């Protein structure tokens, strides 16, 4: 009997060690590669494939096997991370990247579609008038000294136009601290809090603009224990929103807004501009 049980356990162990489970290394990826004139780029290398005459590409799904017993001890699906390089002679290179903490556990047939990727020619000259007339979302400080803007084409992983410093300002805004002048009631003390300023602006070819300035308070009133104890909820200062509209003038590398933009006539130098980003620096008045 003992020998029989031993043989059964041994057989089960061998089966577990030899059994494999399929894990995802890269999903199937499809997408389109265009130039800045929205024309397809044929013969562009994407990973192990190339784009067709319409700029389209397809990468097959890649999988690997892991021992079942090892995976059972792990108790969770492995992470998924993939990175594919896009190259074409005469253009700046680009990477397609993806990460999912437990994405390696996806079943067979996993696939994604990448939004259109725009490749920039080496030494391509960007004309502001080609990209300025769109809806921009600016991160700024209270005085709108420097405006860090993105439009609907913006992608976090676009290393052609982005850098970490720019992305950080876009994601978290130019938050600054100041002290409150008032307190809600006697149970409070005046505490410093942070303010994030976002400006949504739509620039139009006829020289007009419309926008909305949003002031969002971050972590207000840090010492609010009394309020939370009484009301069982956190105190939140409502965000302020101001709508504006007016006129502006575009002249080479400069944009001049009228007084309604920020209570004073503002002249900005276009420090950087591309398909999806723009940086405006307010010109100091001497």
Protein backbone atom coordinates (compact mmCIF):
# COMPACT_ATOMS: atom_id res chain seq x y z
CA UNK A 1 0.00 0.00 0.00
CA UNK A 2 2.77 2.41 0.95
CA UNK A 3 4.60 1.67 -2.27
CA UNK A 4 1.43 2.28 -4.28
CA UNK A 5 0.84 5.67 -2.59
CA UNK A 6 4.44 6.61 -3.16
CA UNK A 7 4.14 5.84 -6.84
CA UNK A 8 0.95 7.89 -7.11
CA UNK A 9 2.55 10.89 -5.36
CA UNK A 10 5.63 10.51 -7.50
CA UNK A 11 3.53 10.47 -10.67
CA UNK A 12 1.58 13.54 -9.55
CA UNK A 13 4.83 15.38 -8.75
CA UNK A 14 6.29 14.55 -12.15
CA UNK A 15 3.10 15.75 -13.82
CA UNK A 16 3.14 19.04 -11.91
CA UNK A 17 6.79 19.67 -12.65
CA UNK A 18 6.42 18.81 -16.32
CA UNK A 19 3.08 20.59 -16.85
CA UNK A 20 3.36 24.07 -18.29
CA UNK A 21 1.16 27.12 -18.31
CA UNK A 22 1.15 29.66 -21.13
CA UNK A 23 2.10 33.25 -20.26
CA UNK A 24 1.92 36.42 -22.37
CA UNK A 25 5.20 38.07 -23.39
CA UNK A 26 3.69 40.54 -25.89
CA UNK A 27 0.14 40.96 -27.16
CA UNK A 28 -0.55 41.22 -30.86
CA UNK A 29 -0.08 44.89 -31.80
CA UNK A 30 -1.55 46.76 -34.75
CA UNK A 31 -1.34 50.41 -35.69
CA UNK A 32 -0.57 53.05 -38.29
CA UNK A 33 2.55 55.17 -38.86
CA UNK A 34 2.14 58.60 -40.50
CA UNK A 35 4.39 61.60 -41.07
CA UNK A 36 3.60 65.12 -39.85
CA UNK A 37 1.67 65.77 -43.08
CA UNK A 38 -0.60 62.81 -42.17
CA UNK A 39 0.79 60.74 -45.05
CA UNK A 40 1.50 57.01 -44.50
CA UNK A 41 5.13 55.94 -44.08
CA UNK A 42 5.76 52.67 -45.94
CA UNK A 43 8.71 50.41 -45.18
CA UNK A 44 8.99 51.65 -41.59
CA UNK A 45 10.53 49.04 -39.29
CA UNK A 46 8.34 48.23 -36.28
CA UNK A 47 9.83 45.51 -34.12
CA UNK A 48 10.33 42.52 -36.42
CA UNK A 49 7.93 43.74 -39.14
CA UNK A 50 7.57 46.70 -41.51
CA UNK A 51 4.65 48.95 -42.45
CA UNK A 52 2.74 48.44 -45.69
CA UNK A 53 1.89 51.05 -48.33
CA UNK A 54 -0.80 52.49 -46.03
CA UNK A 55 1.57 52.80 -43.08
CA UNK A 56 -0.13 49.93 -41.25
CA UNK A 57 1.68 47.22 -39.29
CA UNK A 58 0.89 44.09 -37.32
CA UNK A 59 3.03 42.31 -34.71
CA UNK A 60 2.12 38.77 -33.74
CA UNK A 61 1.37 37.74 -30.19
CA UNK A 62 4.34 36.24 -28.33
CA UNK A 63 3.92 33.72 -25.50
CA UNK A 64 6.15 31.58 -23.32
CA UNK A 65 5.66 28.57 -21.03
CA UNK A 66 6.23 28.36 -17.27
CA UNK A 67 6.13 25.30 -15.01
CA UNK A 68 2.73 25.04 -13.37
CA UNK A 69 4.13 24.23 -9.93
CA UNK A 70 6.38 27.31 -9.95
CA UNK A 71 3.44 29.51 -10.92
CA UNK A 72 1.27 28.00 -8.16
CA UNK A 73 3.87 29.03 -5.57
CA UNK A 74 3.91 32.58 -7.00
CA UNK A 75 0.12 32.87 -6.53
CA UNK A 76 -0.26 35.68 -9.07
CA UNK A 77 0.16 36.34 -12.78
CA UNK A 78 3.54 37.78 -13.84
CA UNK A 79 3.91 41.39 -15.01
CA UNK A 80 3.80 42.26 -18.69
CA UNK A 81 6.23 44.76 -20.21
CA UNK A 82 7.00 45.18 -23.88
CA UNK A 83 8.95 47.75 -25.89
CA UNK A 84 9.15 47.87 -29.68
CA UNK A 85 11.31 50.32 -31.61
CA UNK A 86 10.06 52.18 -34.69
CA UNK A 87 12.74 53.19 -37.19
CA UNK A 88 12.77 54.77 -40.62
CA UNK A 89 15.71 56.41 -42.34
CA UNK A 90 15.36 60.18 -42.31
CA UNK A 91 12.97 60.17 -39.31
CA UNK A 92 13.40 60.35 -35.56
CA UNK A 93 12.98 56.95 -33.87
CA UNK A 94 10.04 56.13 -31.62
CA UNK A 95 9.23 53.42 -29.07
CA UNK A 96 5.95 51.62 -28.45
CA UNK A 97 5.82 50.61 -24.80
CA UNK A 98 3.31 48.91 -22.55
CA UNK A 99 3.15 47.72 -18.96
CA UNK A 100 0.58 45.79 -16.96
CA UNK A 101 1.37 44.56 -13.47
CA UNK A 102 -0.43 41.25 -13.94
CA UNK A 103 -0.74 41.32 -17.74
CA UNK A 104 1.33 38.18 -18.27
CA UNK A 105 -1.64 36.09 -17.21
CA UNK A 106 -3.82 37.05 -20.18
CA UNK A 107 -5.18 34.17 -22.23
CA UNK A 108 -4.25 33.42 -25.84
CA UNK A 109 -5.49 35.92 -28.38
CA UNK A 110 -4.49 39.08 -26.45
CA UNK A 111 -4.21 42.10 -28.73
CA UNK A 112 -4.07 45.89 -28.67
CA UNK A 113 -4.42 48.64 -31.26
CA UNK A 114 -2.01 51.55 -31.03
CA UNK A 115 -3.30 55.00 -31.85
CA UNK A 116 -1.74 56.57 -34.93
CA UNK A 117 1.96 57.26 -34.41
CA UNK A 118 3.36 60.38 -36.10
CA UNK A 119 7.05 60.31 -37.00
CA UNK A 120 8.96 63.55 -37.31
CA UNK A 121 11.55 64.06 -40.04
CA UNK A 122 15.07 64.81 -38.89
CA UNK A 123 15.59 68.60 -38.86
CA UNK A 124 11.91 69.17 -39.74
CA UNK A 125 10.95 72.81 -39.23
CA UNK A 126 7.74 73.31 -37.27
CA UNK A 127 5.60 76.29 -38.28
CA UNK A 128 3.43 77.56 -35.40
CA UNK A 129 0.53 78.37 -37.73
CA UNK A 130 0.30 74.69 -38.71
CA UNK A 131 -0.41 73.50 -35.15
CA UNK A 132 -1.42 76.48 -33.03
CA UNK A 133 -5.11 76.45 -33.93
CA UNK A 134 -6.43 73.73 -31.70
CA UNK A 135 -7.65 73.11 -28.14
CA UNK A 136 -4.83 73.35 -25.61
CA UNK A 137 -4.66 72.34 -21.98
CA UNK A 138 -2.08 74.40 -20.08
CA UNK A 139 -0.50 73.77 -16.70
CA UNK A 140 0.59 77.08 -15.20
CA UNK A 141 1.22 79.00 -12.02
CA UNK A 142 -1.22 81.59 -10.71
CA UNK A 143 0.35 84.42 -12.74
CA UNK A 144 0.51 82.35 -15.97
CA UNK A 145 4.22 83.14 -16.35
CA UNK A 146 5.00 79.92 -18.26
CA UNK A 147 2.33 77.81 -19.97
CA UNK A 148 3.02 74.11 -20.54
CA UNK A 149 0.43 72.92 -23.03
CA UNK A 150 -0.78 69.70 -24.62
CA UNK A 151 -3.52 68.95 -27.14
CA UNK A 152 -5.52 65.84 -28.05
CA UNK A 153 -2.54 64.35 -29.93
CA UNK A 154 -0.47 64.15 -26.73
CA UNK A 155 0.88 60.74 -25.69
CA UNK A 156 2.87 60.19 -22.49
CA UNK A 157 5.34 57.82 -24.19
CA UNK A 158 6.20 60.14 -27.08
CA UNK A 159 9.94 60.64 -26.55
CA UNK A 160 10.16 62.70 -29.75
CA UNK A 161 8.39 65.66 -28.17
CA UNK A 162 8.35 64.90 -24.43
CA UNK A 163 10.87 64.87 -21.62
CA UNK A 164 10.38 63.89 -17.98
CA UNK A 165 10.44 67.48 -16.73
CA UNK A 166 7.70 68.49 -19.16
CA UNK A 167 5.57 65.41 -18.39
CA UNK A 168 5.85 66.06 -14.65
CA UNK A 169 4.55 69.60 -15.06
CA UNK A 170 1.67 68.39 -17.21
CA UNK A 171 0.66 65.58 -14.87
CA UNK A 172 1.00 67.41 -11.57
CA UNK A 173 0.78 71.05 -12.60
CA UNK A 174 2.78 73.92 -11.20
CA UNK A 175 1.54 73.60 -7.63
CA UNK A 176 2.52 76.32 -5.20
CA UNK A 177 1.83 76.95 -1.53
CA UNK A 178 0.32 79.95 0.19
CA UNK A 179 -1.34 80.72 3.52
CA UNK A 180 -5.08 81.11 3.86
CA UNK A 181 -6.42 84.44 5.01
CA UNK A 182 -9.55 82.95 6.60
CA UNK A 183 -10.60 79.79 8.38
CA UNK A 184 -13.99 78.04 8.06
CA UNK A 185 -14.82 78.19 11.78
CA UNK A 186 -13.26 78.47 15.23
CA UNK A 187 -12.24 74.81 15.28
CA UNK A 188 -9.69 75.46 12.55
CA UNK A 189 -6.31 77.07 12.37
CA UNK A 190 -5.12 78.82 9.22
CA UNK A 191 -2.97 76.34 7.34
CA UNK A 192 -0.99 76.51 4.14
CA UNK A 193 -2.40 74.60 1.18
CA UNK A 194 -1.52 74.02 -2.46
CA UNK A 195 -3.14 75.36 -5.60
CA UNK A 196 -3.01 73.80 -9.06
CA UNK A 197 -3.84 76.03 -12.04
CA UNK A 198 -5.08 74.59 -15.33
CA UNK A 199 -6.03 76.73 -18.33
CA UNK A 200 -8.09 75.26 -21.19
CA UNK A 201 -7.72 77.45 -24.29
CA UNK A 202 -9.05 77.01 -27.82
CA UNK A 203 -7.21 79.16 -30.38
CA UNK A 204 -9.02 79.89 -33.65
CA UNK A 205 -7.71 81.00 -37.08
CA UNK A 206 -9.80 84.19 -36.94
CA UNK A 207 -7.66 85.47 -34.06
CA UNK A 208 -10.14 84.76 -31.27
CA UNK A 209 -9.87 82.40 -28.33
CA UNK A 210 -12.11 80.96 -25.65
CA UNK A 211 -11.00 79.29 -22.47
CA UNK A 212 -11.58 78.26 -18.89
CA UNK A 213 -9.18 78.78 -16.02
CA UNK A 214 -9.54 76.24 -13.21
CA UNK A 215 -8.02 76.65 -9.74
CA UNK A 216 -7.98 73.32 -7.92
CA UNK A 217 -7.00 73.24 -4.26
CA UNK A 218 -4.78 70.33 -3.24
CA UNK A 219 -4.83 68.86 0.30
CA UNK A 220 -6.50 71.88 1.91
CA UNK A 221 -6.61 72.37 5.65
CA UNK A 222 -4.25 69.59 6.68
CA UNK A 223 -5.28 69.67 10.35
CA UNK A 224 -8.99 68.92 10.01
CA UNK A 225 -9.38 66.23 12.67
CA UNK A 226 -12.13 68.11 14.49
CA UNK A 227 -14.17 68.59 11.33
CA UNK A 228 -13.80 64.93 10.33
CA UNK A 229 -14.69 63.75 13.84
CA UNK A 230 -17.91 65.79 13.91
CA UNK A 231 -19.11 65.45 10.32
CA UNK A 232 -17.51 62.09 9.40
CA UNK A 233 -16.16 63.50 6.16
CA UNK A 234 -13.16 65.47 4.91
CA UNK A 235 -13.49 69.15 4.26
CA UNK A 236 -12.92 70.05 0.61
CA UNK A 237 -12.56 73.58 -0.69
CA UNK A 238 -14.45 73.75 -4.00
CA UNK A 239 -12.44 74.50 -7.13
CA UNK A 240 -12.77 77.91 -8.75
CA UNK A 241 -13.52 78.18 -12.45
CA UNK A 242 -13.34 81.32 -14.61
CA UNK A 243 -14.37 81.40 -18.27
CA UNK A 244 -12.65 83.83 -20.62
CA UNK A 245 -12.78 84.76 -24.29
CA UNK A 246 -11.08 87.41 -26.37
CA UNK A 247 -8.58 88.06 -29.14
CA UNK A 248 -4.94 87.28 -29.77
CA UNK A 249 -2.28 88.02 -32.38
CA UNK A 250 0.20 85.44 -33.73
CA UNK A 251 3.40 86.99 -35.06
CA UNK A 252 6.24 84.60 -35.97
CA UNK A 253 7.35 83.13 -32.61
CA UNK A 254 5.16 85.36 -30.44
CA UNK A 255 1.53 85.30 -29.26
CA UNK A 256 -0.09 88.40 -27.76
CA UNK A 257 -3.33 87.92 -25.80
CA UNK A 258 -5.71 90.72 -24.90
CA UNK A 259 -6.48 91.89 -21.36
CA UNK A 260 -9.19 89.31 -20.66
CA UNK A 261 -6.64 86.49 -20.81
CA UNK A 262 -5.19 87.36 -17.42
CA UNK A 263 -6.35 90.85 -16.42
CA UNK A 264 -3.50 92.38 -18.41
CA UNK A 265 -2.16 92.32 -21.95
CA UNK A 266 0.14 89.28 -22.16
CA UNK A 267 2.87 88.72 -24.71
CA UNK A 268 4.30 85.19 -24.89
CA UNK A 269 7.32 83.79 -26.71
CA UNK A 270 6.78 80.35 -28.26
CA UNK A 271 9.63 78.47 -26.60
CA UNK A 272 8.69 75.07 -28.09
CA UNK A 273 5.94 73.76 -30.32
CA UNK A 274 5.17 70.43 -31.99
CA UNK A 275 2.13 68.39 -33.03
CA UNK A 276 1.13 67.75 -29.44
CA UNK A 277 2.99 70.14 -27.11
CA UNK A 278 3.63 73.84 -26.72
CA UNK A 279 5.55 75.91 -24.17
CA UNK A 280 4.81 79.63 -23.90
CA UNK A 281 6.99 81.96 -21.81
CA UNK A 282 5.59 85.37 -20.90
CA UNK A 283 7.74 88.20 -22.13
CA UNK A 284 8.79 90.51 -19.33
CA UNK A 285 7.78 94.13 -19.71
CA UNK A 286 10.71 96.48 -19.24
